[in-house]
Amino acid sequence: MVAAKGGKRTVPVSRLERCKPCKGSGVKEGQKAKKCTACGGTGSMRITQGGFQFAMQCNACGGEGTTIPHSARCRSCEGHGLVEETTTVDVDIPAGVDTGTQVRLTGKGNVPDRGTGPAGDLYLEFQVEPSPLFDRSGADVLTTVTIPLSTALLGGSVRVPTVDGDVELTIEPGTQPFSKRILRGRGVPDITTSMRSSRKGDEIVTLRIEIPRKLSEEQREGLKRVFGVKLESKESKAEREGEGKGKKEEGKSTSPLDEGTDKTADRKDKKSGGSFFRSAFDRIKDIKEGLGKEEGSGKEGQDGKGREGKKEAKDSV
């Protein structure tokens, strides 16, 4: 919330400071710098090229005109006159800063490497941590709020978080999923033109509707009546459930009872086959016995005729 509301922070900073033992001269106490022998103490050298003369900085002394012998150099700064130190700086963070925003702190930078001029400026660049509740779009604040289905259908109110605290938001009946509501002036200050701007952005609220995952039978029937969905009769429901059970039973493997039924049917088939052969055998037997009787009666007729012929012969004699 510091980025939105502003505040104070203490920031550690590493910068170049003048060496305190030598007071920035780079020369050990009791020693002196010597005149540069290359430039004669002027700090510059003149060269002639193509009939023209040019002045350039002396490479030996770096334009200082003097050099410090190795034995005369300050041990703290090695003759440079500057040391790097870490210090802390108090920063006033303006409200409305975002990632990449820079502020300038006058006189909090490095001291010059030559001379005794004032220190430069310090530039700080902010890195804003993400918020679990809000997103940013310039000076506008974005947030998402979840509302129940009943509130979306019938209307009501919901608490919405803002950078200044929670506020009450009215929900109109028939609110659609992901519809947006704008809270004017509930954003952060717009610092694109001025760090002390009084103009504030808006807060844009996206409404997400929570759909229940499970409904009771009473709730289901009530919704069907409200939305004009044709209600299912008890008979059709029972029939649908029966069909579902039938499909489940079709997918099951053959039970031991079914196997027993199949075996009983096989035995019946075998019995019926045996009775067929038995009746056929009896019929053949009856036919055979009938034929035998007919042959016997034929023989008896022939014997009778023979006896009658013999008798007639006797009578004739």
C-alpha atoms as a PDB file:
ATOM      1  CA  MET A   1       0.000   0.000   0.000  1.00  0.00           C
ATOM      2  CA  VAL A   2       3.021   2.317   0.273  1.00  0.00           C
ATOM      3  CA  ALA A   3       3.104   2.682  -3.515  1.00  0.00           C
ATOM      4  CA  ALA A   4      -0.555   3.758  -3.523  1.00  0.00           C
ATOM      5  CA  LYS A   5      -0.635   5.848  -0.353  1.00  0.00           C
ATOM      6  CA  GLY A   6       2.979   7.061  -0.126  1.00  0.00           C
ATOM      7  CA  GLY A   7       5.317   6.867   2.859  1.00  0.00           C
ATOM      8  CA  LYS A   8       8.918   6.974   4.058  1.00  0.00           C
ATOM      9  CA  ARG A   9      11.711   4.476   3.666  1.00  0.00           C
ATOM     10  CA  THR A  10      15.370   4.342   4.693  1.00  0.00           C
ATOM     11  CA  VAL A  11      17.478   3.107   1.779  1.00  0.00           C
ATOM     12  CA  PRO A  12      21.127   1.908   1.920  1.00  0.00           C
ATOM     13  CA  VAL A  13      23.295   3.605  -0.741  1.00  0.00           C
ATOM     14  CA  SER A  14      26.915   3.089  -1.852  1.00  0.00           C
ATOM     15  CA  ARG A  15      28.580   6.281  -3.111  1.00  0.00           C
ATOM     16  CA  LEU A  16      31.989   7.964  -3.447  1.00  0.00           C
ATOM     17  CA  GLU A  17      33.063  10.185  -0.572  1.00  0.00           C
ATOM     18  CA  ARG A  18      36.185  12.272   0.021  1.00  0.00           C
ATOM     19  CA  CYS A  19      38.900  10.458   1.930  1.00  0.00           C
ATOM     20  CA  LYS A  20      38.897  11.813   5.471  1.00  0.00           C
ATOM     21  CA  PRO A  21      42.554  11.158   6.425  1.00  0.00           C
ATOM     22  CA  CYS A  22      43.892  13.136   3.444  1.00  0.00           C
ATOM     23  CA  LYS A  23      40.792  15.303   2.990  1.00  0.00           C
ATOM     24  CA  GLY A  24      40.564  14.267  -0.636  1.00  0.00           C
ATOM     25  CA  SER A  25      44.087  15.330  -1.636  1.00  0.00           C
ATOM     26  CA  GLY A  26      45.428  11.787  -1.935  1.00  0.00           C
ATOM     27  CA  VAL A  27      48.692  12.840  -0.255  1.00  0.00           C
ATOM     28  CA  LYS A  28      49.896  11.393   3.012  1.00  0.00           C
ATOM     29  CA  GLU A  29      50.129  13.861   5.901  1.00  0.00           C
ATOM     30  CA  GLY A  30      53.500  15.691   5.871  1.00  0.00           C
ATOM     31  CA  GLN A  31      54.064  14.957   2.161  1.00  0.00           C
ATOM     32  CA  LYS A  32      53.482  17.053  -0.940  1.00  0.00           C
ATOM     33  CA  ALA A  33      52.575  16.415  -4.542  1.00  0.00           C
ATOM     34  CA  LYS A  34      55.220  17.176  -7.179  1.00  0.00           C
ATOM     35  CA  LYS A  35      54.940  19.128 -10.395  1.00  0.00           C
ATOM     36  CA  CYS A  36      54.303  16.921 -13.401  1.00  0.00           C
ATOM     37  CA  THR A  37      57.447  16.649 -15.440  1.00  0.00           C
ATOM     38  CA  ALA A  38      55.573  15.726 -18.616  1.00  0.00           C
ATOM     39  CA  CYS A  39      53.449  18.876 -18.894  1.00  0.00           C
ATOM     40  CA  GLY A  40      55.450  21.195 -16.636  1.00  0.00           C
ATOM     41  CA  GLY A  41      52.508  21.573 -14.271  1.00  0.00           C
ATOM     42  CA  THR A  42      50.067  22.925 -16.881  1.00  0.00           C
ATOM     43  CA  GLY A  43      47.990  19.729 -17.057  1.00  0.00           C
ATOM     44  CA  SER A  44      47.860  19.884 -20.846  1.00  0.00           C
ATOM     45  CA  MET A  45      50.153  19.187 -23.745  1.00  0.00           C
ATOM     46  CA  ARG A  46      50.328  20.776 -27.195  1.00  0.00           C
ATOM     47  CA  ILE A  47      50.862  18.784 -30.337  1.00  0.00           C
ATOM     48  CA  THR A  48      51.283  19.881 -33.947  1.00  0.00           C
ATOM     49  CA  GLN A  49      49.727  17.905 -36.767  1.00  0.00           C
ATOM     50  CA  GLY A  50      49.390  18.961 -40.396  1.00  0.00           C
ATOM     51  CA  GLY A  51      50.360  22.517 -39.622  1.00  0.00           C
ATOM     52  CA  PHE A  52      47.773  22.802 -36.836  1.00  0.00           C
ATOM     53  CA  GLN A  53      48.350  22.864 -33.069  1.00  0.00           C
ATOM     54  CA  PHE A  54      46.119  20.975 -30.675  1.00  0.00           C
ATOM     55  CA  ALA A  55      45.938  21.044 -26.871  1.00  0.00           C
ATOM     56  CA  MET A  56      45.201  17.782 -25.098  1.00  0.00           C
ATOM     57  CA  GLN A  57      45.079  16.564 -21.535  1.00  0.00           C
ATOM     58  CA  CYS A  58      48.316  15.342 -20.059  1.00  0.00           C
ATOM     59  CA  ASN A  59      48.302  11.588 -19.833  1.00  0.00           C
ATOM     60  CA  ALA A  60      50.908  11.495 -17.047  1.00  0.00           C
ATOM     61  CA  CYS A  61      49.038  13.599 -14.456  1.00  0.00           C
ATOM     62  CA  GLY A  62      45.503  13.334 -15.840  1.00  0.00           C
ATOM     63  CA  GLY A  63      45.255  17.094 -16.227  1.00  0.00           C
ATOM     64  CA  GLU A  64      46.092  17.826 -12.585  1.00  0.00           C
ATOM     65  CA  GLY A  65      49.523  19.280 -13.263  1.00  0.00           C
ATOM     66  CA  THR A  66      50.927  17.401 -10.288  1.00  0.00           C
ATOM     67  CA  THR A  67      51.785  13.806  -9.508  1.00  0.00           C
ATOM     68  CA  ILE A  68      51.992  12.001  -6.188  1.00  0.00           C
ATOM     69  CA  PRO A  69      55.041   9.821  -5.650  1.00  0.00           C
ATOM     70  CA  HIS A  70      54.253   6.309  -4.500  1.00  0.00           C
ATOM     71  CA  SER A  71      55.851   6.926  -1.113  1.00  0.00           C
ATOM     72  CA  ALA A  72      53.674  10.021  -0.556  1.00  0.00           C
ATOM     73  CA  ARG A  73      50.297   8.421  -1.379  1.00  0.00           C
ATOM     74  CA  CYS A  74      47.582   8.142   1.276  1.00  0.00           C
ATOM     75  CA  ARG A  75      47.172   4.573   2.414  1.00  0.00           C
ATOM     76  CA  SER A  76      43.414   4.870   2.845  1.00  0.00           C
ATOM     77  CA  CYS A  77      42.613   5.922  -0.723  1.00  0.00           C
ATOM     78  CA  GLU A  78      45.855   4.860  -2.510  1.00  0.00           C
ATOM     79  CA  GLY A  79      46.358   8.462  -3.679  1.00  0.00           C
ATOM     80  CA  HIS A  80      42.936   8.798  -5.360  1.00  0.00           C
ATOM     81  CA  GLY A  81      41.446  11.068  -2.713  1.00  0.00           C
ATOM     82  CA  LEU A  82      38.090   9.202  -2.910  1.00  0.00           C
ATOM     83  CA  VAL A  83      36.718   6.149  -1.111  1.00  0.00           C
ATOM     84  CA  GLU A  84      33.506   4.164  -1.570  1.00  0.00           C
ATOM     85  CA  GLU A  85      31.266   4.211   1.466  1.00  0.00           C
ATOM     86  CA  THR A  86      27.852   2.728   2.235  1.00  0.00           C
ATOM     87  CA  THR A  87      25.385   4.994   3.968  1.00  0.00           C
ATOM     88  CA  THR A  88      21.639   5.297   4.421  1.00  0.00           C
ATOM     89  CA  VAL A  89      19.306   7.849   2.862  1.00  0.00           C
ATOM     90  CA  ASP A  90      15.787   8.755   4.020  1.00  0.00           C
ATOM     91  CA  VAL A  91      13.392   8.737   1.072  1.00  0.00           C
ATOM     92  CA  ASP A  92       9.929  10.307   0.882  1.00  0.00           C
ATOM     93  CA  ILE A  93       7.943   8.015  -1.416  1.00  0.00           C
ATOM     94  CA  PRO A  94       5.199   9.924  -3.248  1.00  0.00           C
ATOM     95  CA  ALA A  95       1.768   8.307  -3.549  1.00  0.00           C
ATOM     96  CA  GLY A  96       1.103   6.669  -6.908  1.00  0.00           C
ATOM     97  CA  VAL A  97       4.599   5.407  -7.763  1.00  0.00           C
ATOM     98  CA  ASP A  98       4.816   2.300  -9.927  1.00  0.00           C
ATOM     99  CA  THR A  99       7.553  -0.031 -11.135  1.00  0.00           C
ATOM    100  CA  GLY A 100      10.090   2.018 -13.101  1.00  0.00           C
ATOM    101  CA  THR A 101       9.225   5.368 -11.462  1.00  0.00           C
ATOM    102  CA  GLN A 102      12.345   7.437 -10.643  1.00  0.00           C
ATOM    103  CA  VAL A 103      12.861  10.169  -8.075  1.00  0.00           C
ATOM    104  CA  ARG A 104      15.870  12.471  -7.737  1.00  0.00           C
ATOM    105  CA  LEU A 105      17.520  13.291  -4.421  1.00  0.00           C
ATOM    106  CA  THR A 106      19.621  16.419  -4.783  1.00  0.00           C
ATOM    107  CA  GLY A 107      23.141  16.326  -3.322  1.00  0.00           C
ATOM    108  CA  LYS A 108      22.933  12.617  -2.337  1.00  0.00           C
ATOM    109  CA  GLY A 109      25.175  11.327  -5.145  1.00  0.00           C
ATOM    110  CA  ASN A 110      28.954  10.987  -5.589  1.00  0.00           C
ATOM    111  CA  VAL A 111      31.399  13.796  -4.867  1.00  0.00           C
ATOM    112  CA  PRO A 112      33.427  15.024  -7.872  1.00  0.00           C
ATOM    113  CA  ASP A 113      36.703  13.185  -8.461  1.00  0.00           C
ATOM    114  CA  ARG A 114      38.479  16.526  -8.886  1.00  0.00           C
ATOM    115  CA  GLY A 115      38.189  19.752  -7.005  1.00  0.00           C
ATOM    116  CA  THR A 116      35.998  20.548  -4.070  1.00  0.00           C
ATOM    117  CA  GLY A 117      32.622  20.939  -5.791  1.00  0.00           C
ATOM    118  CA  PRO A 118      29.332  19.741  -4.279  1.00  0.00           C
ATOM    119  CA  ALA A 119      28.128  16.157  -4.518  1.00  0.00           C
ATOM    120  CA  GLY A 120      25.922  15.098  -7.407  1.00  0.00           C
ATOM    121  CA  ASP A 121      22.345  13.847  -7.318  1.00  0.00           C
ATOM    122  CA  LEU A 122      21.042  10.396  -6.433  1.00  0.00           C
ATOM    123  CA  TYR A 123      18.390   8.769  -8.651  1.00  0.00           C
ATOM    124  CA  LEU A 124      16.210   6.051  -7.164  1.00  0.00           C
ATOM    125  CA  GLU A 125      14.105   3.679  -9.290  1.00  0.00           C
ATOM    126  CA  PHE A 126      11.199   1.889  -7.617  1.00  0.00           C
ATOM    127  CA  GLN A 127      10.236  -1.769  -7.927  1.00  0.00           C
ATOM    128  CA  VAL A 128       6.667  -2.311  -6.666  1.00  0.00           C
ATOM    129  CA  GLU A 129       5.806  -5.742  -5.281  1.00  0.00           C
ATOM    130  CA  PRO A 130       2.647  -7.433  -6.690  1.00  0.00           C
ATOM    131  CA  SER A 131      -0.512  -7.167  -4.562  1.00  0.00           C
ATOM    132  CA  PRO A 132      -2.781 -10.184  -3.877  1.00  0.00           C
ATOM    133  CA  LEU A 133      -5.861  -7.936  -4.229  1.00  0.00           C
ATOM    134  CA  PHE A 134      -5.065  -5.328  -6.865  1.00  0.00           C
ATOM    135  CA  ASP A 135      -3.504  -4.873 -10.270  1.00  0.00           C
ATOM    136  CA  ARG A 136      -2.446  -1.567 -11.832  1.00  0.00           C
ATOM    137  CA  SER A 137      -3.178   0.127 -15.124  1.00  0.00           C
ATOM    138  CA  GLY A 138      -1.521   3.513 -14.762  1.00  0.00           C
ATOM    139  CA  ALA A 139      -3.461   5.397 -12.089  1.00  0.00           C
ATOM    140  CA  ASP A 140      -6.389   2.941 -12.275  1.00  0.00           C
ATOM    141  CA  VAL A 141      -6.675   0.047  -9.835  1.00  0.00           C
ATOM    142  CA  LEU A 142      -8.095  -3.315 -11.002  1.00  0.00           C
ATOM    143  CA  THR A 143      -9.681  -5.925  -8.754  1.00  0.00           C
ATOM    144  CA  THR A 144     -11.969  -8.995  -9.062  1.00  0.00           C
ATOM    145  CA  VAL A 145     -14.840  -9.805  -6.688  1.00  0.00           C
ATOM    146  CA  THR A 146     -16.797 -13.088  -6.555  1.00  0.00           C
ATOM    147  CA  ILE A 147     -20.551 -12.929  -5.889  1.00  0.00           C
ATOM    148  CA  PRO A 148     -23.045 -15.795  -5.369  1.00  0.00           C
ATOM    149  CA  LEU A 149     -25.479 -16.779  -8.110  1.00  0.00           C
ATOM    150  CA  SER A 150     -28.464 -15.660  -6.053  1.00  0.00           C
ATOM    151  CA  THR A 151     -27.064 -12.126  -5.752  1.00  0.00           C
ATOM    152  CA  ALA A 152     -26.386 -11.986  -9.497  1.00  0.00           C
ATOM    153  CA  LEU A 153     -29.975 -13.038 -10.253  1.00  0.00           C
ATOM    154  CA  LEU A 154     -31.872 -11.138  -7.570  1.00  0.00           C
ATOM    155  CA  GLY A 155     -29.524  -8.241  -6.835  1.00  0.00           C
ATOM    156  CA  GLY A 156     -27.997  -7.155  -3.545  1.00  0.00           C
ATOM    157  CA  SER A 157     -24.751  -5.697  -2.283  1.00  0.00           C
ATOM    158  CA  VAL A 158     -21.175  -6.855  -1.722  1.00  0.00           C
ATOM    159  CA  ARG A 159     -18.114  -5.511   0.086  1.00  0.00           C
ATOM    160  CA  VAL A 160     -15.323  -4.442  -2.277  1.00  0.00           C
ATOM    161  CA  PRO A 161     -11.715  -3.741  -1.198  1.00  0.00           C
ATOM    162  CA  THR A 162     -10.145  -0.410  -2.229  1.00  0.00           C
ATOM    163  CA  VAL A 163      -6.830   1.290  -1.452  1.00  0.00           C
ATOM    164  CA  ASP A 164      -8.719   3.433   1.086  1.00  0.00           C
ATOM    165  CA  GLY A 165     -10.616   0.528   2.714  1.00  0.00           C
ATOM    166  CA  ASP A 166     -13.664  -1.645   1.951  1.00  0.00           C
ATOM    167  CA  VAL A 167     -16.782  -0.035   0.448  1.00  0.00           C
ATOM    168  CA  GLU A 168     -20.302  -1.297  -0.280  1.00  0.00           C
ATOM    169  CA  LEU A 169     -21.094  -1.981  -3.944  1.00  0.00           C
ATOM    170  CA  THR A 170     -24.692  -2.376  -5.125  1.00  0.00           C
ATOM    171  CA  ILE A 171     -25.338  -5.345  -7.441  1.00  0.00           C
ATOM    172  CA  GLU A 172     -28.225  -4.952  -9.882  1.00  0.00           C
ATOM    173  CA  PRO A 173     -30.543  -7.917 -10.640  1.00  0.00           C
ATOM    174  CA  GLY A 174     -29.509  -9.873 -13.721  1.00  0.00           C
ATOM    175  CA  THR A 175     -25.801  -9.088 -13.436  1.00  0.00           C
ATOM    176  CA  GLN A 176     -23.827 -10.959 -16.098  1.00  0.00           C
ATOM    177  CA  PRO A 177     -20.539 -12.833 -15.523  1.00  0.00           C
ATOM    178  CA  PHE A 178     -17.383 -10.710 -15.811  1.00  0.00           C
ATOM    179  CA  SER A 179     -19.335  -7.457 -15.990  1.00  0.00           C
ATOM    180  CA  LYS A 180     -17.437  -4.415 -14.722  1.00  0.00           C
ATOM    181  CA  ARG A 181     -18.267  -1.671 -12.233  1.00  0.00           C
ATOM    182  CA  ILE A 182     -16.275   1.585 -11.966  1.00  0.00           C
ATOM    183  CA  LEU A 183     -15.650   3.311  -8.640  1.00  0.00           C
ATOM    184  CA  ARG A 184     -14.734   6.881  -9.535  1.00  0.00           C
ATOM    185  CA  GLY A 185     -11.735   8.378  -7.751  1.00  0.00           C
ATOM    186  CA  ARG A 186     -10.857   5.129  -5.936  1.00  0.00           C
ATOM    187  CA  GLY A 187      -7.555   4.656  -7.772  1.00  0.00           C
ATOM    188  CA  VAL A 188      -4.091   6.099  -7.012  1.00  0.00           C
ATOM    189  CA  PRO A 189      -2.747   9.609  -7.694  1.00  0.00           C
ATOM    190  CA  ASP A 190      -1.703  10.242 -11.307  1.00  0.00           C
ATOM    191  CA  ILE A 191       1.964  11.270 -11.103  1.00  0.00           C
ATOM    192  CA  THR A 192       2.669  11.175 -14.833  1.00  0.00           C
ATOM    193  CA  THR A 193       2.635  14.978 -14.944  1.00  0.00           C
ATOM    194  CA  SER A 194       3.574  15.866 -11.355  1.00  0.00           C
ATOM    195  CA  MET A 195       4.827  13.972  -8.299  1.00  0.00           C
ATOM    196  CA  ARG A 196       2.366  15.913  -6.159  1.00  0.00           C
ATOM    197  CA  SER A 197      -0.673  15.527  -8.396  1.00  0.00           C
ATOM    198  CA  SER A 198      -4.087  15.547  -6.689  1.00  0.00           C
ATOM    199  CA  ARG A 199      -5.875  13.796  -9.553  1.00  0.00           C
ATOM    200  CA  LYS A 200      -6.708  10.166  -8.795  1.00  0.00           C
ATOM    201  CA  GLY A 201      -7.584   7.291 -11.067  1.00  0.00           C
ATOM    202  CA  ASP A 202     -10.568   4.922 -10.798  1.00  0.00           C
ATOM    203  CA  GLU A 203     -11.049   1.431  -9.458  1.00  0.00           C
ATOM    204  CA  ILE A 204     -12.440  -1.062 -11.977  1.00  0.00           C
ATOM    205  CA  VAL A 205     -14.212  -4.027 -10.351  1.00  0.00           C
ATOM    206  CA  THR A 206     -14.762  -7.237 -12.352  1.00  0.00           C
ATOM    207  CA  LEU A 207     -17.643  -9.365 -11.048  1.00  0.00           C
ATOM    208  CA  ARG A 208     -17.191 -13.114 -11.114  1.00  0.00           C
ATOM    209  CA  ILE A 209     -20.300 -15.240 -10.457  1.00  0.00           C
ATOM    210  CA  GLU A 210     -19.920 -18.355  -8.337  1.00  0.00           C
ATOM    211  CA  ILE A 211     -21.910 -21.299  -9.745  1.00  0.00           C
ATOM    212  CA  PRO A 212     -22.765 -24.047  -7.199  1.00  0.00           C
ATOM    213  CA  ARG A 213     -21.270 -27.410  -8.092  1.00  0.00           C
ATOM    214  CA  LYS A 214     -24.046 -29.496  -6.460  1.00  0.00           C
ATOM    215  CA  LEU A 215     -27.793 -28.910  -6.116  1.00  0.00           C
ATOM    216  CA  SER A 216     -30.361 -30.685  -3.991  1.00  0.00           C
ATOM    217  CA  GLU A 217     -33.379 -32.229  -5.682  1.00  0.00           C
ATOM    218  CA  GLU A 218     -35.567 -29.451  -4.303  1.00  0.00           C
ATOM    219  CA  GLN A 219     -33.255 -26.751  -5.660  1.00  0.00           C
ATOM    220  CA  ARG A 220     -33.108 -28.495  -9.034  1.00  0.00           C
ATOM    221  CA  GLU A 221     -36.890 -28.710  -9.331  1.00  0.00           C
ATOM    222  CA  GLY A 222     -37.252 -25.092  -8.217  1.00  0.00           C
ATOM    223  CA  LEU A 223     -34.819 -23.858 -10.878  1.00  0.00           C
ATOM    224  CA  LYS A 224     -36.639 -25.854 -13.541  1.00  0.00           C
ATOM    225  CA  ARG A 225     -39.911 -24.190 -12.594  1.00  0.00           C
ATOM    226  CA  VAL A 226     -38.328 -20.726 -12.595  1.00  0.00           C
ATOM    227  CA  PHE A 227     -36.691 -21.139 -15.998  1.00  0.00           C
ATOM    228  CA  GLY A 228     -39.601 -23.017 -17.583  1.00  0.00           C
ATOM    229  CA  VAL A 229     -37.788 -26.322 -17.997  1.00  0.00           C
ATOM    230  CA  LYS A 230     -40.145 -29.292 -18.483  1.00  0.00           C
ATOM    231  CA  LEU A 231     -40.328 -31.311 -15.300  1.00  0.00           C
ATOM    232  CA  GLU A 232     -39.685 -35.048 -15.492  1.00  0.00           C
ATOM    233  CA  SER A 233     -42.519 -37.260 -14.239  1.00  0.00           C
ATOM    234  CA  LYS A 234     -41.921 -39.992 -11.687  1.00  0.00           C
ATOM    235  CA  GLU A 235     -42.789 -42.707 -14.216  1.00  0.00           C
ATOM    236  CA  SER A 236     -40.303 -41.453 -16.807  1.00  0.00           C
ATOM    237  CA  LYS A 237     -37.689 -41.042 -14.128  1.00  0.00           C
ATOM    238  CA  ALA A 238     -38.216 -44.609 -12.911  1.00  0.00           C
ATOM    239  CA  GLU A 239     -38.118 -45.845 -16.512  1.00  0.00           C
ATOM    240  CA  ARG A 240     -34.859 -43.933 -17.142  1.00  0.00           C
ATOM    241  CA  GLU A 241     -33.320 -45.383 -14.000  1.00  0.00           C
ATOM    242  CA  GLY A 242     -34.482 -48.879 -15.038  1.00  0.00           C
ATOM    243  CA  GLU A 243     -32.849 -48.488 -18.443  1.00  0.00           C
ATOM    244  CA  GLY A 244     -29.667 -47.408 -16.781  1.00  0.00           C
ATOM    245  CA  LYS A 245     -29.668 -50.479 -14.555  1.00  0.00           C
ATOM    246  CA  GLY A 246     -30.368 -52.716 -17.572  1.00  0.00           C
ATOM    247  CA  LYS A 247     -27.369 -51.282 -19.402  1.00  0.00           C
ATOM    248  CA  LYS A 248     -25.183 -51.906 -16.376  1.00  0.00           C
ATOM    249  CA  GLU A 249     -26.334 -55.541 -16.156  1.00  0.00           C
ATOM    250  CA  GLU A 250     -25.618 -56.096 -19.848  1.00  0.00           C
ATOM    251  CA  GLY A 251     -22.036 -55.102 -19.286  1.00  0.00           C
ATOM    252  CA  LYS A 252     -21.582 -57.608 -16.440  1.00  0.00           C
ATOM    253  CA  SER A 253     -20.041 -61.084 -16.995  1.00  0.00           C
ATOM    254  CA  THR A 254     -22.098 -64.303 -16.834  1.00  0.00           C
ATOM    255  CA  SER A 255     -23.060 -65.167 -13.260  1.00  0.00           C
ATOM    256  CA  PRO A 256     -22.903 -68.702 -11.739  1.00  0.00           C
ATOM    257  CA  LEU A 257     -26.719 -68.779 -11.790  1.00  0.00           C
ATOM    258  CA  ASP A 258     -26.697 -68.224 -15.561  1.00  0.00           C
ATOM    259  CA  GLU A 259     -24.142 -70.986 -15.955  1.00  0.00           C
ATOM    260  CA  GLY A 260     -26.388 -73.333 -13.929  1.00  0.00           C
ATOM    261  CA  THR A 261     -29.363 -72.448 -16.098  1.00  0.00           C
ATOM    262  CA  ASP A 262     -27.354 -73.213 -19.223  1.00  0.00           C
ATOM    263  CA  LYS A 263     -26.317 -76.585 -17.813  1.00  0.00           C
ATOM    264  CA  THR A 264     -29.935 -77.442 -16.960  1.00  0.00           C
ATOM    265  CA  ALA A 265     -30.984 -76.599 -20.506  1.00  0.00           C
ATOM    266  CA  ASP A 266     -28.210 -78.860 -21.842  1.00  0.00           C
ATOM    267  CA  ARG A 267     -29.419 -81.690 -19.676  1.00  0.00           C
ATOM    268  CA  LYS A 268     -32.980 -81.168 -20.927  1.00  0.00           C
ATOM    269  CA  ASP A 269     -31.736 -81.263 -24.490  1.00  0.00           C
ATOM    270  CA  LYS A 270     -29.847 -84.471 -23.793  1.00  0.00           C
ATOM    271  CA  LYS A 271     -32.919 -86.033 -22.185  1.00  0.00           C
ATOM    272  CA  SER A 272     -35.129 -85.048 -25.073  1.00  0.00           C
ATOM    273  CA  GLY A 273     -32.612 -86.539 -27.481  1.00  0.00           C
ATOM    274  CA  GLY A 274     -32.506 -89.826 -25.491  1.00  0.00           C
ATOM    275  CA  SER A 275     -36.285 -90.151 -25.422  1.00  0.00           C
ATOM    276  CA  PHE A 276     -36.364 -89.709 -29.184  1.00  0.00           C
ATOM    277  CA  PHE A 277     -33.948 -92.564 -29.766  1.00  0.00           C
ATOM    278  CA  ARG A 278     -35.785 -94.742 -27.236  1.00  0.00           C
ATOM    279  CA  SER A 279     -39.158 -94.245 -28.964  1.00  0.00           C
ATOM    280  CA  ALA A 280     -37.592 -94.978 -32.341  1.00  0.00           C
ATOM    281  CA  PHE A 281     -36.084 -98.192 -30.990  1.00  0.00           C
ATOM    282  CA  ASP A 282     -39.477 -99.267 -29.582  1.00  0.00           C
ATOM    283  CA  ARG A 283     -41.194 -98.655 -32.913  1.00  0.00           C
ATOM    284  CA  ILE A 284     -38.582-100.777 -34.743  1.00  0.00           C
ATOM    285  CA  LYS A 285     -39.085-103.542 -32.172  1.00  0.00           C
ATOM    286  CA  ASP A 286     -42.860-103.469 -32.636  1.00  0.00           C
ATOM    287  CA  ILE A 287     -42.512-103.653 -36.382  1.00  0.00           C
ATOM    288  CA  LYS A 288     -40.164-106.626 -36.071  1.00  0.00           C
ATOM    289  CA  GLU A 289     -42.547-108.503 -33.761  1.00  0.00           C
ATOM    290  CA  GLY A 290     -45.425-107.828 -36.175  1.00  0.00           C
ATOM    291  CA  LEU A 291     -43.449-109.274 -39.038  1.00  0.00           C
ATOM    292  CA  GLY A 292     -42.705-112.365 -36.970  1.00  0.00           C
ATOM    293  CA  LYS A 293     -46.356-112.941 -36.222  1.00  0.00           C
ATOM    294  CA  GLU A 294     -47.268-112.667 -39.894  1.00  0.00           C
ATOM    295  CA  GLU A 295     -44.657-115.277 -40.829  1.00  0.00           C
ATOM    296  CA  GLY A 296     -46.001-117.640 -38.145  1.00  0.00           C
ATOM    297  CA  SER A 297     -49.544-117.358 -39.373  1.00  0.00           C
ATOM    298  CA  GLY A 298     -48.396-118.097 -42.952  1.00  0.00           C
ATOM    299  CA  LYS A 299     -46.690-121.311 -41.889  1.00  0.00           C
ATOM    300  CA  GLU A 300     -49.764-122.481 -40.013  1.00  0.00           C
ATOM    301  CA  GLY A 301     -51.912-121.953 -43.119  1.00  0.00           C
ATOM    302  CA  GLN A 302     -49.565-123.994 -45.246  1.00  0.00           C
ATOM    303  CA  ASP A 303     -49.517-126.851 -42.689  1.00  0.00           C
ATOM    304  CA  GLY A 304     -53.349-126.933 -42.577  1.00  0.00           C
ATOM    305  CA  LYS A 305     -53.613-127.156 -46.330  1.00  0.00           C
ATOM    306  CA  GLY A 306     -51.144-130.100 -46.348  1.00  0.00           C
ATOM    307  CA  ARG A 307     -53.115-131.983 -43.746  1.00  0.00           C
ATOM    308  CA  GLU A 308     -56.355-131.464 -45.660  1.00  0.00           C
ATOM    309  CA  GLY A 309     -54.736-132.741 -48.868  1.00  0.00           C
ATOM    310  CA  LYS A 310     -53.531-135.899 -47.145  1.00  0.00           C
ATOM    311  CA  LYS A 311     -56.962-136.500 -45.711  1.00  0.00           C
ATOM    312  CA  GLU A 312     -58.632-136.160 -49.098  1.00  0.00           C
ATOM    313  CA  ALA A 313     -56.175-138.602 -50.566  1.00  0.00           C
ATOM    314  CA  LYS A 314     -57.000-141.151 -47.916  1.00  0.00           C
ATOM    315  CA  ASP A 315     -60.691-140.824 -48.571  1.00  0.00           C
ATOM    316  CA  SER A 316     -60.252-141.322 -52.233  1.00  0.00           C
ATOM    317  CA  VAL A 317     -58.366-144.554 -51.692  1.00  0.00           C
END
